[in-house]
Amino acid sequence: MQEIRVEGHEPSLLPENKKWKLVWSDEFDGDTLDETKWGFRLNYWGQRAQQFTDQGVSLDGKGNVVFRPVVEDGMVKSAQLQTGENSFDGLDLDGAIANRLARKKGDNPWGDQVEIWPLRPLKKPKFMHRYGYYEVRVKLQTKDFWWSAFWIQSPMIGASYDPGQSGVECDIMENFVDGTLTSGNIFGGYGKTFADEARIHYPYTDDGEYHRFGVEWNEQGYVFYFDGKETARSTSPVSHTEQFVLLSTEIKGYRSDRKKTTWKEEELSDRFICDYVRVFDEVK
């Protein structure tokens, strides 16, 4: 890997024997989150997610964005930042998503395409991109009741059976349990047809230090890196459409509506800290 310097900030580590150009970044300077770059994910499958919040995210004045769990309405919540959105981010006001979730194959007017999801009008994205190198430098949380992730997702994921056209979910880093990291989690959509296709788990010893996670995405596939070392590769499915960036935390149990209504003060003091998010293009 080669070191790419960014003036006034920590360098990036990118694949060697290639030229790279920085095309988008947030160094989290200042004391206020740049809302021209980030929005909050608040909904899940067309419904307001009770454990998602737009609170608990702040800049520390030292070039970091800090995520912390917060208590609202008697439950623990955490935030997800994103530079765009997809169909599942909007409220399901017309019932299209709920109807699709409830359908069985025999009831579906589109035959067996029970995993093809309805589109809806989307807000203008703050940033989307196709191909390149996506990198984050973070200090991970230490408590098991929540997890963190750095990923990219298509606004049209699940809109067709062709992930090249409708895009994928590409999880560059997920930290579910202390001591384990996940890279290379690729979904071409959601449902039985679209099982994860390149998930790699590897051990991690919490040392309280910053670590870099990245992925090189091109026409052929994805190569994932942890602190400059390759951890995984995937050649299928491959998105050939623009995707947006997410930097997120989640409270365990939200997917099954298991609310965390009890907590310890030591849990609320836990932090997920990010130094930067950067996107590079290969210069050919």
C-alpha atoms as a PDB file:
ATOM      1  CA  MET A   1       0.000   0.000   0.000  1.00  0.00           C
ATOM      2  CA  GLN A   2       1.108   3.562  -0.605  1.00  0.00           C
ATOM      3  CA  GLU A   3       0.686   6.512   1.706  1.00  0.00           C
ATOM      4  CA  ILE A   4      -1.345   9.382   0.258  1.00  0.00           C
ATOM      5  CA  ARG A   5      -0.906  12.618   2.158  1.00  0.00           C
ATOM      6  CA  VAL A   6      -3.788  14.956   2.914  1.00  0.00           C
ATOM      7  CA  GLU A   7      -2.549  18.349   4.067  1.00  0.00           C
ATOM      8  CA  GLY A   8      -3.083  18.961   7.757  1.00  0.00           C
ATOM      9  CA  HIS A   9      -4.515  15.494   8.385  1.00  0.00           C
ATOM     10  CA  GLU A  10      -3.583  11.854   8.793  1.00  0.00           C
ATOM     11  CA  PRO A  11      -2.535  10.181   5.512  1.00  0.00           C
ATOM     12  CA  SER A  12      -4.527   7.536   3.669  1.00  0.00           C
ATOM     13  CA  LEU A  13      -3.316   4.067   2.677  1.00  0.00           C
ATOM     14  CA  LEU A  14      -4.210   3.122  -0.899  1.00  0.00           C
ATOM     15  CA  PRO A  15      -3.251   0.320  -3.307  1.00  0.00           C
ATOM     16  CA  GLU A  16       0.183   0.669  -4.863  1.00  0.00           C
ATOM     17  CA  ASN A  17       1.159   1.091  -8.520  1.00  0.00           C
ATOM     18  CA  LYS A  18      -1.830   3.332  -9.191  1.00  0.00           C
ATOM     19  CA  LYS A  19      -2.388   7.066  -9.148  1.00  0.00           C
ATOM     20  CA  TRP A  20      -5.213   8.364  -6.975  1.00  0.00           C
ATOM     21  CA  LYS A  21      -7.157  11.612  -6.736  1.00  0.00           C
ATOM     22  CA  LEU A  22      -9.215  12.665  -3.715  1.00  0.00           C
ATOM     23  CA  VAL A  23     -12.751  13.446  -4.956  1.00  0.00           C
ATOM     24  CA  TRP A  24     -14.767  13.721  -1.729  1.00  0.00           C
ATOM     25  CA  SER A  25     -14.026  13.763   1.980  1.00  0.00           C
ATOM     26  CA  ASP A  26     -15.051  14.935   5.391  1.00  0.00           C
ATOM     27  CA  GLU A  27     -12.219  15.589   7.825  1.00  0.00           C
ATOM     28  CA  PHE A  28     -14.711  16.633  10.524  1.00  0.00           C
ATOM     29  CA  ASP A  29     -12.943  19.895  11.238  1.00  0.00           C
ATOM     30  CA  GLY A  30     -14.737  22.602  13.180  1.00  0.00           C
ATOM     31  CA  ASP A  31     -17.415  22.085  15.798  1.00  0.00           C
ATOM     32  CA  THR A  32     -20.582  21.441  13.754  1.00  0.00           C
ATOM     33  CA  LEU A  33     -21.510  18.526  11.507  1.00  0.00           C
ATOM     34  CA  ASP A  34     -21.494  19.559   7.840  1.00  0.00           C
ATOM     35  CA  GLU A  35     -25.116  19.027   6.816  1.00  0.00           C
ATOM     36  CA  THR A  36     -24.256  19.757   3.188  1.00  0.00           C
ATOM     37  CA  LYS A  37     -22.486  16.384   3.270  1.00  0.00           C
ATOM     38  CA  TRP A  38     -24.549  14.298   5.697  1.00  0.00           C
ATOM     39  CA  GLY A  39     -28.128  13.500   6.581  1.00  0.00           C
ATOM     40  CA  PHE A  40     -29.606  11.082   9.125  1.00  0.00           C
ATOM     41  CA  ARG A  41     -31.269   7.745   8.418  1.00  0.00           C
ATOM     42  CA  LEU A  42     -34.387   7.657  10.571  1.00  0.00           C
ATOM     43  CA  ASN A  43     -36.639   5.080   8.880  1.00  0.00           C
ATOM     44  CA  TYR A  44     -36.410   1.328   8.291  1.00  0.00           C
ATOM     45  CA  TRP A  45     -38.453  -0.519   5.657  1.00  0.00           C
ATOM     46  CA  GLY A  46     -40.790   2.446   5.316  1.00  0.00           C
ATOM     47  CA  GLN A  47     -41.463   2.856   9.045  1.00  0.00           C
ATOM     48  CA  ARG A  48     -40.003   5.231  11.611  1.00  0.00           C
ATOM     49  CA  ALA A  49     -37.255   3.245  13.344  1.00  0.00           C
ATOM     50  CA  GLN A  50     -37.728   3.775  17.053  1.00  0.00           C
ATOM     51  CA  GLN A  51     -34.066   3.177  17.878  1.00  0.00           C
ATOM     52  CA  PHE A  52     -32.704   5.541  15.197  1.00  0.00           C
ATOM     53  CA  THR A  53     -32.113   9.185  16.116  1.00  0.00           C
ATOM     54  CA  ASP A  54     -30.633  12.419  14.808  1.00  0.00           C
ATOM     55  CA  GLN A  55     -28.998  13.043  18.181  1.00  0.00           C
ATOM     56  CA  GLY A  56     -25.797  11.706  19.702  1.00  0.00           C
ATOM     57  CA  VAL A  57     -23.478  12.865  16.903  1.00  0.00           C
ATOM     58  CA  SER A  58     -21.052  15.735  17.457  1.00  0.00           C
ATOM     59  CA  LEU A  59     -17.646  17.049  16.451  1.00  0.00           C
ATOM     60  CA  ASP A  60     -15.042  17.150  19.205  1.00  0.00           C
ATOM     61  CA  GLY A  61     -13.077  20.127  17.863  1.00  0.00           C
ATOM     62  CA  LYS A  62     -10.071  17.877  17.265  1.00  0.00           C
ATOM     63  CA  GLY A  63     -11.009  16.682  13.779  1.00  0.00           C
ATOM     64  CA  ASN A  64     -13.287  13.810  14.802  1.00  0.00           C
ATOM     65  CA  VAL A  65     -16.976  13.009  14.643  1.00  0.00           C
ATOM     66  CA  VAL A  66     -18.137  11.216  17.781  1.00  0.00           C
ATOM     67  CA  PHE A  67     -21.127   8.873  18.016  1.00  0.00           C
ATOM     68  CA  ARG A  68     -22.622   8.173  21.433  1.00  0.00           C
ATOM     69  CA  PRO A  69     -25.711   6.244  22.552  1.00  0.00           C
ATOM     70  CA  VAL A  70     -28.512   8.446  23.860  1.00  0.00           C
ATOM     71  CA  VAL A  71     -31.673   7.819  25.863  1.00  0.00           C
ATOM     72  CA  GLU A  72     -34.903   9.099  24.329  1.00  0.00           C
ATOM     73  CA  ASP A  73     -38.471   8.056  25.112  1.00  0.00           C
ATOM     74  CA  GLY A  74     -37.233   5.539  27.655  1.00  0.00           C
ATOM     75  CA  MET A  75     -34.984   3.611  25.290  1.00  0.00           C
ATOM     76  CA  VAL A  76     -31.393   3.670  24.059  1.00  0.00           C
ATOM     77  CA  LYS A  77     -30.897   4.992  20.525  1.00  0.00           C
ATOM     78  CA  SER A  78     -28.015   5.796  18.180  1.00  0.00           C
ATOM     79  CA  ALA A  79     -27.445   7.589  14.889  1.00  0.00           C
ATOM     80  CA  GLN A  80     -26.740   6.723  11.267  1.00  0.00           C
ATOM     81  CA  LEU A  81     -25.181   9.252   8.890  1.00  0.00           C
ATOM     82  CA  GLN A  82     -25.658   8.967   5.133  1.00  0.00           C
ATOM     83  CA  THR A  83     -24.933  11.009   2.018  1.00  0.00           C
ATOM     84  CA  GLY A  84     -28.036   9.824   0.120  1.00  0.00           C
ATOM     85  CA  GLU A  85     -31.099   7.671   0.601  1.00  0.00           C
ATOM     86  CA  ASN A  86     -33.017   4.769  -0.894  1.00  0.00           C
ATOM     87  CA  SER A  87     -36.622   3.677  -1.137  1.00  0.00           C
ATOM     88  CA  PHE A  88     -36.654   2.256   2.374  1.00  0.00           C
ATOM     89  CA  ASP A  89     -35.679   5.617   3.906  1.00  0.00           C
ATOM     90  CA  GLY A  90     -39.027   7.248   3.201  1.00  0.00           C
ATOM     91  CA  LEU A  91     -42.190   6.625   5.172  1.00  0.00           C
ATOM     92  CA  ASP A  92     -44.394   4.035   3.486  1.00  0.00           C
ATOM     93  CA  LEU A  93     -47.352   6.390   3.122  1.00  0.00           C
ATOM     94  CA  ASP A  94     -48.998   4.497   0.272  1.00  0.00           C
ATOM     95  CA  GLY A  95     -48.400   1.035   1.744  1.00  0.00           C
ATOM     96  CA  ALA A  96     -46.302  -0.186  -1.180  1.00  0.00           C
ATOM     97  CA  ILE A  97     -43.528  -1.625   0.973  1.00  0.00           C
ATOM     98  CA  ALA A  98     -45.902  -3.189   3.495  1.00  0.00           C
ATOM     99  CA  ASN A  99     -47.882  -4.780   0.669  1.00  0.00           C
ATOM    100  CA  ARG A 100     -44.733  -6.193  -0.860  1.00  0.00           C
ATOM    101  CA  LEU A 101     -43.552  -7.605   2.469  1.00  0.00           C
ATOM    102  CA  ALA A 102     -46.922  -9.290   2.995  1.00  0.00           C
ATOM    103  CA  ARG A 103     -47.206 -10.834  -0.478  1.00  0.00           C
ATOM    104  CA  LYS A 104     -46.664 -14.491  -1.117  1.00  0.00           C
ATOM    105  CA  LYS A 105     -45.630 -15.784  -4.516  1.00  0.00           C
ATOM    106  CA  GLY A 106     -49.138 -16.901  -5.411  1.00  0.00           C
ATOM    107  CA  ASP A 107     -50.562 -13.483  -4.602  1.00  0.00           C
ATOM    108  CA  ASN A 108     -47.985 -11.478  -6.476  1.00  0.00           C
ATOM    109  CA  PRO A 109     -49.177  -9.986  -9.788  1.00  0.00           C
ATOM    110  CA  TRP A 110     -45.536  -9.883 -10.901  1.00  0.00           C
ATOM    111  CA  GLY A 111     -45.133 -13.659 -10.592  1.00  0.00           C
ATOM    112  CA  ASP A 112     -42.334 -14.879  -8.352  1.00  0.00           C
ATOM    113  CA  GLN A 113     -40.570 -11.516  -8.068  1.00  0.00           C
ATOM    114  CA  VAL A 114     -41.404 -11.127  -4.387  1.00  0.00           C
ATOM    115  CA  GLU A 115     -38.026  -9.543  -3.711  1.00  0.00           C
ATOM    116  CA  ILE A 116     -38.320  -6.695  -6.209  1.00  0.00           C
ATOM    117  CA  TRP A 117     -39.005  -3.522  -4.282  1.00  0.00           C
ATOM    118  CA  PRO A 118     -41.050  -0.455  -5.243  1.00  0.00           C
ATOM    119  CA  LEU A 119     -39.276   2.787  -6.034  1.00  0.00           C
ATOM    120  CA  ARG A 120     -40.380   6.177  -4.766  1.00  0.00           C
ATOM    121  CA  PRO A 121     -39.296   9.792  -5.250  1.00  0.00           C
ATOM    122  CA  LEU A 122     -35.964  10.366  -3.524  1.00  0.00           C
ATOM    123  CA  LYS A 123     -34.382  13.488  -2.119  1.00  0.00           C
ATOM    124  CA  LYS A 124     -31.426  14.887  -4.011  1.00  0.00           C
ATOM    125  CA  PRO A 125     -28.326  13.069  -2.719  1.00  0.00           C
ATOM    126  CA  LYS A 126     -25.592  15.012  -1.010  1.00  0.00           C
ATOM    127  CA  PHE A 127     -22.972  12.703  -2.532  1.00  0.00           C
ATOM    128  CA  MET A 128     -23.014   9.583  -4.689  1.00  0.00           C
ATOM    129  CA  HIS A 129     -20.200   7.986  -6.635  1.00  0.00           C
ATOM    130  CA  ARG A 130     -19.272   5.002  -8.762  1.00  0.00           C
ATOM    131  CA  TYR A 131     -16.040   3.023  -8.357  1.00  0.00           C
ATOM    132  CA  GLY A 132     -12.912   4.259  -6.595  1.00  0.00           C
ATOM    133  CA  TYR A 133     -11.401   3.737  -3.152  1.00  0.00           C
ATOM    134  CA  TYR A 134     -13.480   4.365  -0.028  1.00  0.00           C
ATOM    135  CA  GLU A 135     -11.658   4.746   3.276  1.00  0.00           C
ATOM    136  CA  VAL A 136     -12.400   5.523   6.897  1.00  0.00           C
ATOM    137  CA  ARG A 137     -10.181   5.917   9.960  1.00  0.00           C
ATOM    138  CA  VAL A 138     -11.980   5.075  13.186  1.00  0.00           C
ATOM    139  CA  LYS A 139     -11.663   4.160  16.836  1.00  0.00           C
ATOM    140  CA  LEU A 140     -14.218   1.440  17.567  1.00  0.00           C
ATOM    141  CA  GLN A 141     -16.752   1.252  20.363  1.00  0.00           C
ATOM    142  CA  THR A 142     -16.108  -1.312  23.107  1.00  0.00           C
ATOM    143  CA  LYS A 143     -19.546  -2.348  24.426  1.00  0.00           C
ATOM    144  CA  ASP A 144     -21.533  -5.217  22.913  1.00  0.00           C
ATOM    145  CA  PHE A 145     -24.999  -3.631  22.997  1.00  0.00           C
ATOM    146  CA  TRP A 146     -24.389  -1.588  19.839  1.00  0.00           C
ATOM    147  CA  TRP A 147     -22.316  -1.842  16.684  1.00  0.00           C
ATOM    148  CA  SER A 148     -20.767   0.375  14.033  1.00  0.00           C
ATOM    149  CA  ALA A 149     -20.361   0.194  10.270  1.00  0.00           C
ATOM    150  CA  PHE A 150     -18.905   1.944   7.232  1.00  0.00           C
ATOM    151  CA  TRP A 151     -20.684   1.027   4.002  1.00  0.00           C
ATOM    152  CA  ILE A 152     -22.049   2.103   0.644  1.00  0.00           C
ATOM    153  CA  GLN A 153     -25.544   1.453  -0.669  1.00  0.00           C
ATOM    154  CA  SER A 154     -27.501   2.064  -3.848  1.00  0.00           C
ATOM    155  CA  PRO A 155     -30.653   4.218  -3.862  1.00  0.00           C
ATOM    156  CA  MET A 156     -32.231   1.587  -6.128  1.00  0.00           C
ATOM    157  CA  ILE A 157     -31.110  -1.591  -4.356  1.00  0.00           C
ATOM    158  CA  GLY A 158     -33.637  -4.379  -4.821  1.00  0.00           C
ATOM    159  CA  ALA A 159     -35.395  -2.636  -7.711  1.00  0.00           C
ATOM    160  CA  SER A 160     -34.392  -5.434 -10.104  1.00  0.00           C
ATOM    161  CA  TYR A 161     -32.714  -8.835 -10.177  1.00  0.00           C
ATOM    162  CA  ASP A 162     -29.672  -7.233 -11.820  1.00  0.00           C
ATOM    163  CA  PRO A 163     -27.412  -5.820  -9.064  1.00  0.00           C
ATOM    164  CA  GLY A 164     -25.163  -4.326 -11.701  1.00  0.00           C
ATOM    165  CA  GLN A 165     -28.013  -2.024 -12.649  1.00  0.00           C
ATOM    166  CA  SER A 166     -29.800  -1.531  -9.331  1.00  0.00           C
ATOM    167  CA  GLY A 167     -26.730  -1.628  -7.078  1.00  0.00           C
ATOM    168  CA  VAL A 168     -25.726  -3.420  -3.892  1.00  0.00           C
ATOM    169  CA  GLU A 169     -25.071  -3.008  -0.212  1.00  0.00           C
ATOM    170  CA  CYS A 170     -21.308  -3.152   0.302  1.00  0.00           C
ATOM    171  CA  ASP A 171     -20.232  -3.357   3.954  1.00  0.00           C
ATOM    172  CA  ILE A 172     -16.636  -2.197   4.164  1.00  0.00           C
ATOM    173  CA  MET A 173     -16.465  -2.527   7.952  1.00  0.00           C
ATOM    174  CA  GLU A 174     -18.879  -3.889  10.530  1.00  0.00           C
ATOM    175  CA  ASN A 175     -18.069  -4.334  14.201  1.00  0.00           C
ATOM    176  CA  PHE A 176     -20.876  -6.336  15.816  1.00  0.00           C
ATOM    177  CA  VAL A 177     -19.045  -7.963  18.715  1.00  0.00           C
ATOM    178  CA  ASP A 178     -15.900  -6.875  20.492  1.00  0.00           C
ATOM    179  CA  GLY A 179     -13.061  -8.951  19.074  1.00  0.00           C
ATOM    180  CA  THR A 180     -14.578  -9.573  15.630  1.00  0.00           C
ATOM    181  CA  LEU A 181     -14.649  -7.485  12.468  1.00  0.00           C
ATOM    182  CA  THR A 182     -16.509  -8.116   9.224  1.00  0.00           C
ATOM    183  CA  SER A 183     -15.557  -7.018   5.708  1.00  0.00           C
ATOM    184  CA  GLY A 184     -16.815  -7.880   2.264  1.00  0.00           C
ATOM    185  CA  ASN A 185     -20.484  -8.244   3.077  1.00  0.00           C
ATOM    186  CA  ILE A 186     -22.150  -7.838  -0.347  1.00  0.00           C
ATOM    187  CA  PHE A 187     -25.908  -7.886  -0.923  1.00  0.00           C
ATOM    188  CA  GLY A 188     -27.378  -7.470  -4.400  1.00  0.00           C
ATOM    189  CA  GLY A 189     -30.766  -6.978  -2.749  1.00  0.00           C
ATOM    190  CA  TYR A 190     -32.693  -8.259   0.251  1.00  0.00           C
ATOM    191  CA  GLY A 191     -34.406 -11.622   0.553  1.00  0.00           C
ATOM    192  CA  LYS A 192     -33.536 -15.291   0.015  1.00  0.00           C
ATOM    193  CA  THR A 193     -32.300 -14.703  -3.522  1.00  0.00           C
ATOM    194  CA  PHE A 194     -29.763 -12.150  -2.348  1.00  0.00           C
ATOM    195  CA  ALA A 195     -27.785 -13.883   0.375  1.00  0.00           C
ATOM    196  CA  ASP A 196     -24.541 -12.220   1.423  1.00  0.00           C
ATOM    197  CA  GLU A 197     -21.857 -13.308  -0.985  1.00  0.00           C
ATOM    198  CA  ALA A 198     -18.428 -12.446   0.358  1.00  0.00           C
ATOM    199  CA  ARG A 199     -18.649 -12.035   4.106  1.00  0.00           C
ATOM    200  CA  ILE A 200     -15.305 -12.423   5.870  1.00  0.00           C
ATOM    201  CA  HIS A 201     -14.964 -12.428   9.668  1.00  0.00           C
ATOM    202  CA  TYR A 202     -11.567 -11.856  11.221  1.00  0.00           C
ATOM    203  CA  PRO A 203     -10.331 -11.416  14.797  1.00  0.00           C
ATOM    204  CA  TYR A 204      -9.603  -8.008  16.213  1.00  0.00           C
ATOM    205  CA  THR A 205      -7.948  -7.080  19.489  1.00  0.00           C
ATOM    206  CA  ASP A 206      -9.247  -3.823  20.893  1.00  0.00           C
ATOM    207  CA  ASP A 207      -6.189  -1.675  21.471  1.00  0.00           C
ATOM    208  CA  GLY A 208      -7.975   1.661  21.795  1.00  0.00           C
ATOM    209  CA  GLU A 209      -6.219   2.983  18.692  1.00  0.00           C
ATOM    210  CA  TYR A 210      -7.419   4.260  15.328  1.00  0.00           C
ATOM    211  CA  HIS A 211      -7.666   1.833  12.414  1.00  0.00           C
ATOM    212  CA  ARG A 212      -8.201   2.250   8.677  1.00  0.00           C
ATOM    213  CA  PHE A 213     -10.780   0.323   6.675  1.00  0.00           C
ATOM    214  CA  GLY A 214     -11.124   0.607   2.919  1.00  0.00           C
ATOM    215  CA  VAL A 215     -12.406  -0.949  -0.270  1.00  0.00           C
ATOM    216  CA  GLU A 216     -11.281  -0.635  -3.869  1.00  0.00           C
ATOM    217  CA  TRP A 217     -14.334  -0.908  -6.121  1.00  0.00           C
ATOM    218  CA  ASN A 218     -13.993  -1.205  -9.889  1.00  0.00           C
ATOM    219  CA  GLU A 219     -15.689  -2.918 -12.836  1.00  0.00           C
ATOM    220  CA  GLN A 220     -14.290  -6.317 -11.815  1.00  0.00           C
ATOM    221  CA  GLY A 221     -15.281  -6.308  -8.147  1.00  0.00           C
ATOM    222  CA  TYR A 222     -14.169  -5.312  -4.668  1.00  0.00           C
ATOM    223  CA  VAL A 223     -10.970  -5.661  -2.639  1.00  0.00           C
ATOM    224  CA  PHE A 224     -11.229  -4.939   1.096  1.00  0.00           C
ATOM    225  CA  TYR A 225      -8.453  -3.699   3.382  1.00  0.00           C
ATOM    226  CA  PHE A 226      -7.799  -3.356   7.115  1.00  0.00           C
ATOM    227  CA  ASP A 227      -4.857  -1.137   8.091  1.00  0.00           C
ATOM    228  CA  GLY A 228      -3.409  -1.548   4.610  1.00  0.00           C
ATOM    229  CA  LYS A 229      -3.681  -5.336   4.489  1.00  0.00           C
ATOM    230  CA  GLU A 230      -6.085  -7.168   2.207  1.00  0.00           C
ATOM    231  CA  THR A 231      -8.848  -9.023   4.049  1.00  0.00           C
ATOM    232  CA  ALA A 232     -11.333 -10.087   1.349  1.00  0.00           C
ATOM    233  CA  ARG A 233     -12.226 -10.049  -2.347  1.00  0.00           C
ATOM    234  CA  SER A 234     -15.540 -10.303  -4.171  1.00  0.00           C
ATOM    235  CA  THR A 235     -16.275 -10.498  -7.891  1.00  0.00           C
ATOM    236  CA  SER A 236     -20.051 -11.011  -7.725  1.00  0.00           C
ATOM    237  CA  PRO A 237     -22.371  -9.226  -7.474  1.00  0.00           C
ATOM    238  CA  VAL A 238     -20.787  -5.959  -8.622  1.00  0.00           C
ATOM    239  CA  SER A 239     -22.615  -2.656  -8.734  1.00  0.00           C
ATOM    240  CA  HIS A 240     -22.086  -0.523 -11.821  1.00  0.00           C
ATOM    241  CA  THR A 241     -24.207   2.367 -10.614  1.00  0.00           C
ATOM    242  CA  GLU A 242     -23.603   5.293  -8.268  1.00  0.00           C
ATOM    243  CA  GLN A 243     -23.957   4.612  -4.550  1.00  0.00           C
ATOM    244  CA  PHE A 244     -24.013   6.737  -1.407  1.00  0.00           C
ATOM    245  CA  VAL A 245     -21.904   6.498   1.753  1.00  0.00           C
ATOM    246  CA  LEU A 246     -23.040   5.566   5.265  1.00  0.00           C
ATOM    247  CA  LEU A 247     -21.250   5.871   8.597  1.00  0.00           C
ATOM    248  CA  SER A 248     -23.546   4.331  11.148  1.00  0.00           C
ATOM    249  CA  THR A 249     -24.203   2.870  14.563  1.00  0.00           C
ATOM    250  CA  GLU A 250     -27.096   0.608  15.573  1.00  0.00           C
ATOM    251  CA  ILE A 251     -28.538  -0.660  18.830  1.00  0.00           C
ATOM    252  CA  LYS A 252     -28.762  -4.444  18.796  1.00  0.00           C
ATOM    253  CA  GLY A 253     -32.283  -5.769  18.519  1.00  0.00           C
ATOM    254  CA  TYR A 254     -33.778  -2.934  16.478  1.00  0.00           C
ATOM    255  CA  ARG A 255     -34.491  -5.215  13.514  1.00  0.00           C
ATOM    256  CA  SER A 256     -36.773  -7.399  15.612  1.00  0.00           C
ATOM    257  CA  ASP A 257     -38.172  -4.398  17.490  1.00  0.00           C
ATOM    258  CA  ARG A 258     -36.436  -5.450  20.711  1.00  0.00           C
ATOM    259  CA  LYS A 259     -36.062  -2.090  22.408  1.00  0.00           C
ATOM    260  CA  LYS A 260     -33.226  -1.495  24.847  1.00  0.00           C
ATOM    261  CA  THR A 261     -35.077   0.028  27.791  1.00  0.00           C
ATOM    262  CA  THR A 262     -32.484  -0.646  30.493  1.00  0.00           C
ATOM    263  CA  TRP A 263     -28.913   0.531  30.512  1.00  0.00           C
ATOM    264  CA  LYS A 264     -25.841   1.198  32.603  1.00  0.00           C
ATOM    265  CA  GLU A 265     -24.057   4.524  32.783  1.00  0.00           C
ATOM    266  CA  GLU A 266     -20.870   2.862  31.550  1.00  0.00           C
ATOM    267  CA  GLU A 267     -22.721   1.841  28.386  1.00  0.00           C
ATOM    268  CA  LEU A 268     -23.829   5.402  27.717  1.00  0.00           C
ATOM    269  CA  SER A 269     -20.227   6.579  28.033  1.00  0.00           C
ATOM    270  CA  ASP A 270     -19.068   4.349  25.163  1.00  0.00           C
ATOM    271  CA  ARG A 271     -18.028   6.083  21.933  1.00  0.00           C
ATOM    272  CA  PHE A 272     -17.481   5.347  18.235  1.00  0.00           C
ATOM    273  CA  ILE A 273     -15.055   7.923  16.837  1.00  0.00           C
ATOM    274  CA  CYS A 274     -14.243   8.702  13.209  1.00  0.00           C
ATOM    275  CA  ASP A 275     -11.292  10.802  12.076  1.00  0.00           C
ATOM    276  CA  TYR A 276     -12.195  11.021   8.383  1.00  0.00           C
ATOM    277  CA  VAL A 277     -14.170   9.577   5.483  1.00  0.00           C
ATOM    278  CA  ARG A 278     -12.504   9.807   2.047  1.00  0.00           C
ATOM    279  CA  VAL A 279     -13.288   8.772  -1.507  1.00  0.00           C
ATOM    280  CA  PHE A 280     -10.587   8.551  -4.182  1.00  0.00           C
ATOM    281  CA  ASP A 281     -10.697   7.951  -7.921  1.00  0.00           C
ATOM    282  CA  GLU A 282      -8.000   6.101  -9.795  1.00  0.00           C
ATOM    283  CA  VAL A 283      -6.324   8.391 -12.316  1.00  0.00           C
ATOM    284  CA  LYS A 284      -5.778   6.469 -15.545  1.00  0.00           C
END
